[in-house]
Protein backbone atom coordinates (compact mmCIF):
# COMPACT_ATOMS: atom_id res chain seq x y z
CA MET A 1 -47.16 29.26 56.58
CA GLU A 2 -43.65 30.50 57.29
CA SER A 3 -44.02 29.74 61.01
CA LYS A 4 -45.33 26.28 60.15
CA ARG A 5 -42.28 25.53 58.00
CA LYS A 6 -39.93 26.77 60.73
CA ALA A 7 -41.66 24.50 63.21
CA LEU A 8 -40.38 21.55 61.21
CA GLY A 9 -36.85 22.31 62.36
CA LYS A 10 -33.63 22.88 60.44
CA GLY A 11 -33.21 19.21 59.57
CA LEU A 12 -36.54 18.85 57.78
CA GLU A 13 -36.37 22.36 56.34
CA GLN A 14 -33.22 21.49 54.39
CA LEU A 15 -34.72 18.16 53.39
CA PHE A 16 -37.48 19.90 51.46
CA ASN A 17 -35.38 22.22 49.33
CA SER A 18 -33.00 21.60 46.45
CA GLU A 19 -29.77 22.15 48.39
CA PRO A 20 -27.38 19.29 49.28
CA LEU A 21 -28.40 17.46 52.44
CA ASN A 22 -26.35 17.74 55.62
CA PHE A 23 -26.59 14.16 56.87
CA GLU A 24 -25.18 15.10 60.27
CA THR A 25 -28.09 17.49 60.83
CA LEU A 26 -30.62 15.07 59.38
CA ASN A 27 -29.39 12.08 61.36
CA ASN A 28 -32.04 12.63 64.04
CA PHE A 29 -34.77 14.36 62.06
CA GLU A 30 -37.40 11.94 63.40
CA LYS A 31 -36.36 12.69 66.98
CA GLU A 32 -36.53 16.38 66.06
CA ILE A 33 -40.23 16.01 65.28
CA VAL A 34 -40.82 14.05 68.49
CA ASN A 35 -38.92 16.58 70.63
CA THR A 36 -40.82 19.55 69.17
CA THR A 37 -44.23 17.93 69.62
CA LYS A 38 -46.23 18.55 72.79
CA GLU A 39 -47.05 15.41 74.74
CA SER A 40 -50.72 16.33 74.49
CA ASP A 41 -50.44 16.17 70.68
CA ILE A 42 -49.30 12.53 70.73
CA VAL A 43 -52.39 10.36 70.20
CA ASN A 44 -53.12 6.64 70.16
CA ILE A 45 -54.45 5.47 66.81
CA LYS A 46 -55.68 2.08 65.66
CA ILE A 47 -52.98 0.02 63.96
CA SER A 48 -55.68 -1.41 61.66
CA GLU A 49 -56.18 2.11 60.23
CA ILE A 50 -52.49 2.58 59.33
CA ARG A 51 -51.24 2.05 55.79
CA SER A 52 -47.55 1.65 54.94
CA ASN A 53 -45.94 4.70 53.36
CA PRO A 54 -46.68 4.17 49.64
CA HIS A 55 -43.24 5.67 48.95
CA GLN A 56 -41.41 3.35 51.37
CA PRO A 57 -38.48 1.96 49.36
CA ARG A 58 -37.72 -0.88 51.76
CA LYS A 59 -39.80 -3.96 50.91
CA TYR A 60 -37.99 -6.62 52.94
CA PHE A 61 -37.83 -6.62 56.74
CA ASP A 62 -35.78 -8.98 58.91
CA GLU A 63 -38.40 -11.25 60.50
CA LYS A 64 -36.16 -12.25 63.42
CA ALA A 65 -35.40 -8.59 64.22
CA LEU A 66 -39.13 -7.78 64.07
CA GLU A 67 -39.91 -10.62 66.49
CA GLU A 68 -37.24 -9.37 68.90
CA LEU A 69 -38.69 -5.85 68.73
CA ALA A 70 -42.19 -7.28 69.25
CA ASP A 71 -41.00 -9.04 72.42
CA SER A 72 -39.53 -5.75 73.66
CA ILE A 73 -42.80 -3.94 72.92
CA LYS A 74 -44.76 -6.59 74.84
CA GLU A 75 -42.59 -5.88 77.87
CA HIS A 76 -42.01 -2.13 77.64
CA GLY A 77 -44.59 -0.82 75.15
CA VAL A 78 -43.81 1.49 72.22
CA ILE A 79 -41.27 3.97 73.59
CA GLU A 80 -41.16 6.45 70.67
CA PRO A 81 -44.30 7.46 68.73
CA ILE A 82 -44.56 6.84 65.02
CA ILE A 83 -45.25 9.68 62.57
CA VAL A 84 -48.27 9.52 60.27
CA LYS A 85 -50.20 11.61 57.79
CA LYS A 86 -54.02 11.68 57.81
CA SER A 87 -55.42 10.08 54.68
CA ILE A 88 -58.89 9.57 53.27
CA LYS A 89 -59.10 6.14 54.93
CA GLY A 90 -57.14 6.25 58.15
CA TYR A 91 -53.44 7.15 58.15
CA ASP A 92 -50.34 6.83 55.95
CA LEU A 93 -47.09 5.99 57.73
CA VAL A 94 -44.37 8.60 57.40
CA ALA A 95 -41.80 7.12 59.80
CA GLY A 96 -41.81 4.13 62.14
CA GLU A 97 -42.68 1.17 59.91
CA ARG A 98 -40.62 -1.35 61.93
CA ARG A 99 -42.29 -0.24 65.18
CA THR A 100 -45.73 -0.52 63.59
CA LYS A 101 -45.09 -4.02 62.21
CA ALA A 102 -43.60 -5.16 65.53
CA ALA A 103 -46.51 -3.64 67.50
CA ARG A 104 -48.92 -5.57 65.27
CA LEU A 105 -46.91 -8.76 65.92
CA ALA A 106 -47.06 -8.03 69.64
CA GLY A 107 -50.85 -7.99 69.46
CA LEU A 108 -51.32 -4.26 70.13
CA GLU A 109 -54.47 -2.66 68.76
CA THR A 110 -53.28 0.95 69.07
CA ILE A 111 -49.93 2.75 68.84
CA PRO A 112 -48.82 6.27 69.92
CA ALA A 113 -48.51 8.59 66.94
CA ILE A 114 -47.78 12.15 65.86
CA ILE A 115 -49.97 13.36 63.00
CA LYS A 116 -48.24 15.67 60.50
CA ASP A 117 -49.42 17.21 57.24
CA PHE A 118 -46.77 16.22 54.67
CA THR A 119 -47.09 16.27 50.88
CA ASP A 120 -46.51 13.06 48.91
CA GLN A 121 -43.13 14.35 47.76
CA GLN A 122 -42.06 15.10 51.32
CA MET A 123 -43.12 11.60 52.39
CA MET A 124 -41.02 10.14 49.59
CA GLU A 125 -37.99 12.19 50.64
CA ILE A 126 -38.38 11.26 54.31
CA ALA A 127 -38.67 7.55 53.54
CA LEU A 128 -35.66 7.65 51.23
CA ILE A 129 -33.38 9.61 53.53
CA GLU A 130 -34.42 7.56 56.58
CA ASN A 131 -33.44 4.31 54.89
CA ILE A 132 -30.27 5.63 53.24
CA GLN A 133 -29.03 6.86 56.62
CA ARG A 134 -29.63 3.49 58.25
CA GLU A 135 -28.34 1.50 55.26
CA ASP A 136 -31.51 -0.61 55.38
CA LEU A 137 -32.00 -0.84 51.62
CA SER A 138 -30.79 -3.45 49.15
CA ALA A 139 -29.15 -2.05 46.01
CA ILE A 140 -32.33 -2.74 44.00
CA GLU A 141 -34.60 -1.07 46.57
CA GLU A 142 -32.29 1.94 46.65
CA ALA A 143 -32.26 2.09 42.84
CA ILE A 144 -36.07 1.98 42.69
CA ALA A 145 -36.26 4.70 45.35
CA TYR A 146 -33.95 7.01 43.40
CA LYS A 147 -35.79 6.32 40.13
CA ASN A 148 -39.16 7.13 41.72
CA TYR A 149 -37.66 10.28 43.23
CA ILE A 150 -36.31 11.39 39.84
CA ASP A 151 -39.64 10.63 38.14
CA GLU A 152 -41.55 12.55 40.83
CA THR A 153 -39.34 15.64 41.05
CA GLY A 154 -38.03 15.91 37.51
CA TYR A 155 -34.48 16.19 38.90
CA THR A 156 -31.55 15.01 36.83
CA GLN A 157 -29.21 12.27 38.04
CA GLU A 158 -26.66 14.98 38.73
CA ASP A 159 -29.16 16.93 40.86
CA VAL A 160 -29.97 13.82 42.91
CA ALA A 161 -26.29 12.91 43.34
CA LYS A 162 -25.58 16.40 44.66
CA LYS A 163 -28.59 16.43 47.00
CA PHE A 164 -27.90 13.05 48.57
CA GLY A 165 -24.11 13.33 48.68
CA LYS A 166 -23.43 10.63 46.08
CA SER A 167 -21.27 10.67 42.96
CA ARG A 168 -23.01 10.92 39.59
CA SER A 169 -21.49 7.55 38.59
CA TYR A 170 -22.91 5.93 41.75
CA ILE A 171 -26.46 7.02 40.85
CA THR A 172 -25.99 6.01 37.18
CA ASN A 173 -24.63 2.57 38.08
CA LEU A 174 -27.36 2.04 40.63
CA LEU A 175 -30.13 2.91 38.17
CA GLY A 176 -28.48 0.60 35.65
CA LEU A 177 -29.32 -2.35 37.92
CA LEU A 178 -32.99 -1.85 37.06
CA THR A 179 -32.27 -3.02 33.50
CA LEU A 180 -31.40 -6.50 34.82
CA PRO A 181 -33.96 -9.32 34.39
CA THR A 182 -36.38 -9.45 37.32
CA ASN A 183 -35.13 -12.80 38.62
CA VAL A 184 -31.56 -11.47 38.70
CA GLN A 185 -32.75 -8.33 40.53
CA ASN A 186 -34.36 -10.63 43.11
CA GLU A 187 -31.01 -12.39 43.66
CA VAL A 188 -29.39 -8.98 44.26
CA THR A 189 -32.13 -8.09 46.75
CA ASN A 190 -31.70 -11.44 48.52
CA GLY A 191 -27.95 -10.88 48.75
CA THR A 192 -26.96 -13.93 46.70
CA ILE A 193 -25.47 -11.63 44.05
CA SER A 194 -23.43 -8.62 45.18
CA MET A 195 -23.93 -5.11 43.83
CA SER A 196 -20.42 -5.26 42.30
CA HIS A 197 -21.34 -8.42 40.37
CA ALA A 198 -24.70 -6.90 39.41
CA ARG A 199 -23.05 -3.74 38.09
CA VAL A 200 -20.94 -5.82 35.66
CA LEU A 201 -24.01 -7.80 34.57
CA SER A 202 -25.98 -4.60 33.95
CA LYS A 203 -23.55 -3.60 31.17
CA ILE A 204 -24.41 -6.70 29.12
CA GLU A 205 -27.10 -6.54 26.43
CA ASP A 206 -28.29 -10.18 26.27
CA ASP A 207 -30.73 -11.04 29.10
CA LYS A 208 -30.25 -14.80 28.63
CA LEU A 209 -26.49 -14.41 28.98
CA ILE A 210 -27.01 -12.26 32.08
CA GLU A 211 -29.10 -15.03 33.65
CA ASP A 212 -26.51 -17.68 32.75
CA LEU A 213 -23.71 -15.61 34.28
CA ALA A 214 -25.86 -14.91 37.35
CA ASN A 215 -26.26 -18.66 37.87
CA LYS A 216 -22.50 -19.04 37.49
CA ILE A 217 -21.94 -16.40 40.19
CA ILE A 218 -24.24 -18.28 42.56
CA GLU A 219 -23.16 -21.85 41.77
CA ASP A 220 -19.42 -21.40 41.10
CA GLU A 221 -18.91 -18.37 43.36
CA ILE A 222 -16.84 -16.57 40.73
CA SER A 223 -15.24 -13.29 41.77
CA VAL A 224 -16.06 -9.88 40.33
CA ARG A 225 -12.73 -9.87 38.48
CA GLU A 226 -13.47 -13.27 36.92
CA LEU A 227 -16.89 -11.98 35.87
CA GLU A 228 -15.32 -8.87 34.33
CA ASN A 229 -12.91 -11.04 32.35
CA LEU A 230 -15.80 -13.18 31.08
CA SER A 231 -17.78 -10.08 30.11
CA ARG A 232 -14.87 -8.80 27.98
CA GLU A 233 -15.09 -11.71 25.54
CA GLU A 234 -15.54 -10.50 21.97
CA ASN A 235 -18.87 -12.24 21.39
CA ILE A 236 -20.52 -10.44 24.31
CA VAL A 237 -22.46 -7.36 23.25
CA LYS A 238 -22.40 -4.47 25.69
CA LYS A 239 -25.16 -1.92 26.13
CA ASN A 240 -24.57 1.37 24.39
CA LYS A 241 -23.98 4.27 26.71
CA ILE A 242 -26.73 6.86 26.44
CA ASN A 243 -25.55 10.44 26.42
CA ARG A 244 -28.27 12.18 28.32
CA THR A 245 -28.44 15.92 27.80
CA ASN A 246 -30.55 18.20 29.89
CA THR A 247 -32.83 19.97 27.43
CA ILE A 248 -34.41 22.12 30.13
CA ASN A 249 -33.46 25.77 29.97
CA PRO A 250 -31.00 26.21 32.89
CA LYS A 251 -32.79 29.40 33.89
CA TYR A 252 -36.09 27.48 34.07
CA LYS A 253 -34.43 24.97 36.39
CA ILE A 254 -33.50 27.80 38.75
CA TYR A 255 -37.06 29.13 38.62
CA GLU A 256 -38.44 25.62 39.30
CA ASN A 257 -36.24 25.25 42.38
CA VAL A 258 -37.22 28.69 43.72
CA LEU A 259 -40.93 27.97 43.24
CA ARG A 260 -40.54 24.49 44.73
CA ASP A 261 -38.94 25.93 47.86
CA LEU A 262 -41.73 28.50 48.08
CA VAL A 263 -44.77 26.22 47.72
CA GLY A 264 -43.28 23.00 49.13
CA THR A 265 -44.07 20.79 46.13
CA LYS A 266 -42.50 20.06 42.76
CA VAL A 267 -42.96 22.67 40.03
CA GLN A 268 -42.35 22.13 36.32
CA ILE A 269 -41.81 24.82 33.71
CA SER A 270 -42.08 23.79 30.06
CA LYS A 271 -43.76 24.88 26.84
CA ASN A 272 -44.59 28.29 28.31
CA LYS A 273 -46.48 26.69 31.18
CA VAL A 274 -45.93 26.55 34.93
CA THR A 275 -47.35 23.35 36.45
CA ILE A 276 -47.89 23.10 40.22
CA PRO A 277 -49.50 19.77 41.25
CA PHE A 278 -51.47 19.31 44.47
CA ASP A 279 -52.73 16.17 46.22
CA SER A 280 -55.91 17.45 47.88
CA GLU A 281 -58.23 20.45 48.12
CA LYS A 282 -56.55 21.38 51.39
CA ASP A 283 -53.15 21.25 49.69
CA LEU A 284 -54.46 23.50 46.89
CA GLU A 285 -55.73 26.03 49.43
CA ARG A 286 -52.31 25.97 51.11
CA ILE A 287 -50.57 26.74 47.78
CA LEU A 288 -53.02 29.54 46.94
CA GLU A 289 -52.45 31.07 50.37
CA ILE A 290 -48.67 31.07 49.81
CA LEU A 291 -49.15 32.74 46.43
CA ASN A 292 -51.46 35.34 48.02
CA ILE A 293 -54.39 34.30 45.83
CA ASP A 294 -57.68 34.97 47.59
CA ILE A 295 -60.80 33.45 46.00
CA GLU A 296 -64.04 34.95 47.27
CA GLU A 297 -66.86 32.41 47.40
CA ASP A 298 -70.46 33.42 46.64
C-alpha cells in the first residue's frame, strides 16, 4: 500500500492529507499522473460508458469554448488522456471533463484514458482543487463545493481555509451565499450579480427584500457601495451572526487526521466510537490490509 501511495507522486500525496496544499506543486498534478503512467496502461474506453464526476463542482461549461476544442479534437485527436475510476456501470470521470464533452461533440466513440482507483473523497478533492486552480468556478459553484467538502470530511471552516490557502472570512462569506434565494444564486452564477454584491445581500434576513435589491442591481446597475448604504437602513433586518464553536475534543481531531492519512479516507471519532466509512468491498479490504487485520475465510 505504501508503494502505491508513493506512486501517486508528491502532488497527490499532499492533496490527500490534512496539511495545507502547496498549489505550486499541485499545479500539474494531472500531468504528474500522465507522466508516471506507462503508455501501455493508457486504454481507449467508450465515451458512452463515462459518467461525470459526481463531485464535479462546475456545472456550467462555455459552449463556444467546447465547440472550439471539439474542432481541434476532430483535427488532432485527444492529445492528453482523461483520468477515470472504474464504477459498477462503466467509469466515473476524475479529471478531463472538458475533453470528454468536446470529444463527444466531435463525434468520437472512444477516448484515451488512465484508470485509477480513487476513493469518493479523493475524487471530490481532485475536482475541487482542479477547478480552484483554473478559476473555472462561479462563486456559487465554489461555495457548494466547499460545503460538500466540509460535510464529507467533517472539517471546520478554519481547517478548510488552511488547507486551501484561503482566509477564514473568505470561506465564511462564500458559504453565506448559499443562504440567498435560488433565483438570486442563479444570477450570481450567470454573472449578472457580482460576488461583492451577493455578499452584501447575504447579510440581509428578508428574502423578498433580497430579491428586490437583486433586481435593482441588475436594472439600475447600482454599485456595491450604494447597495451597502441601502442595506444599512434602519428598517432592514440583518442576519444574526452564528458563533460556531468546535465541540470536538481537539485531541480527537488530531487522531482523526492521523487515521485519515493512514487509511486514505475520512475518519470520525465521537461518542466513544471510531467510524471509518468505505465505498466498496474492495475498499474495505484495502482498509483492513492497512490496519493489518487478516480475516481467514472458511
